Amino acid sequence: MNLQALYDVRLAQQEAGAEIKALPTKTKVITVCRSRLSSTPTA
């Protein structure tokens, strides 16, 4: 791999990093599902 290709890969990773971090995480999804599916209140 030449230097230009390495630079392009690094640049693409940096640009995609912000978009990836903005995606919901599994813990956030589980928290939402538990609150919606919970039939009894938690103490």
C-alpha atoms as a PDB file:
ATOM      1  CA  MET A   1       0.000   0.000   0.000  1.00  0.00           C
ATOM      2  CA  ASN A   2       1.430   3.372  -0.941  1.00  0.00           C
ATOM      3  CA  LEU A   3       1.372   6.573   1.108  1.00  0.00           C
ATOM      4  CA  GLN A   4      -1.604   8.049  -0.756  1.00  0.00           C
ATOM      5  CA  ALA A   5      -3.698   4.943  -0.110  1.00  0.00           C
ATOM      6  CA  LEU A   6      -2.757   4.996   3.586  1.00  0.00           C
ATOM      7  CA  TYR A   7      -3.731   8.661   3.804  1.00  0.00           C
ATOM      8  CA  ASP A   8      -7.070   7.963   2.081  1.00  0.00           C
ATOM      9  CA  VAL A   9      -7.838   5.125   4.494  1.00  0.00           C
ATOM     10  CA  ARG A  10      -6.993   7.256   7.522  1.00  0.00           C
ATOM     11  CA  LEU A  11      -9.090  10.146   6.228  1.00  0.00           C
ATOM     12  CA  ALA A  12     -12.079   7.860   5.609  1.00  0.00           C
ATOM     13  CA  GLN A  13     -11.755   6.431   9.133  1.00  0.00           C
ATOM     14  CA  GLN A  14     -11.756   9.916  10.653  1.00  0.00           C
ATOM     15  CA  GLU A  15     -14.807  10.995   8.650  1.00  0.00           C
ATOM     16  CA  ALA A  16     -16.743   7.834   9.489  1.00  0.00           C
ATOM     17  CA  GLY A  17     -15.753   7.989  13.159  1.00  0.00           C
ATOM     18  CA  ALA A  18     -18.186  10.776  14.030  1.00  0.00           C
ATOM     19  CA  GLU A  19     -21.043   9.029  12.228  1.00  0.00           C
ATOM     20  CA  ILE A  20     -20.292   5.739  13.956  1.00  0.00           C
ATOM     21  CA  LYS A  21     -20.163   7.398  17.388  1.00  0.00           C
ATOM     22  CA  ALA A  22     -23.570   8.970  16.728  1.00  0.00           C
ATOM     23  CA  LEU A  23     -25.209   5.559  16.286  1.00  0.00           C
ATOM     24  CA  PRO A  24     -27.162   4.168  19.250  1.00  0.00           C
ATOM     25  CA  THR A  25     -25.339   1.649  21.373  1.00  0.00           C
ATOM     26  CA  LYS A  26     -26.677  -1.645  22.596  1.00  0.00           C
ATOM     27  CA  THR A  27     -26.993  -0.417  26.180  1.00  0.00           C
ATOM     28  CA  LYS A  28     -29.129   2.522  25.063  1.00  0.00           C
ATOM     29  CA  VAL A  29     -31.426   0.243  23.058  1.00  0.00           C
ATOM     30  CA  ILE A  30     -31.802  -2.225  25.944  1.00  0.00           C
ATOM     31  CA  THR A  31     -32.681   0.591  28.347  1.00  0.00           C
ATOM     32  CA  VAL A  32     -35.412   1.861  26.029  1.00  0.00           C
ATOM     33  CA  CYS A  33     -36.818  -1.631  25.447  1.00  0.00           C
ATOM     34  CA  ARG A  34     -36.902  -2.452  29.151  1.00  0.00           C
ATOM     35  CA  SER A  35     -38.819   0.702  29.985  1.00  0.00           C
ATOM     36  CA  ARG A  36     -41.352   0.036  27.247  1.00  0.00           C
ATOM     37  CA  LEU A  37     -41.771  -3.679  27.957  1.00  0.00           C
ATOM     38  CA  SER A  38     -41.789  -3.439  31.744  1.00  0.00           C
ATOM     39  CA  SER A  39     -45.188  -4.456  33.068  1.00  0.00           C
ATOM     40  CA  THR A  40     -44.318  -3.902  36.728  1.00  0.00           C
ATOM     41  CA  PRO A  41     -42.599  -0.812  38.108  1.00  0.00           C
ATOM     42  CA  THR A  42     -39.084  -1.290  39.384  1.00  0.00           C
ATOM     43  CA  ALA A  43     -38.214  -0.132  42.869  1.00  0.00           C
END
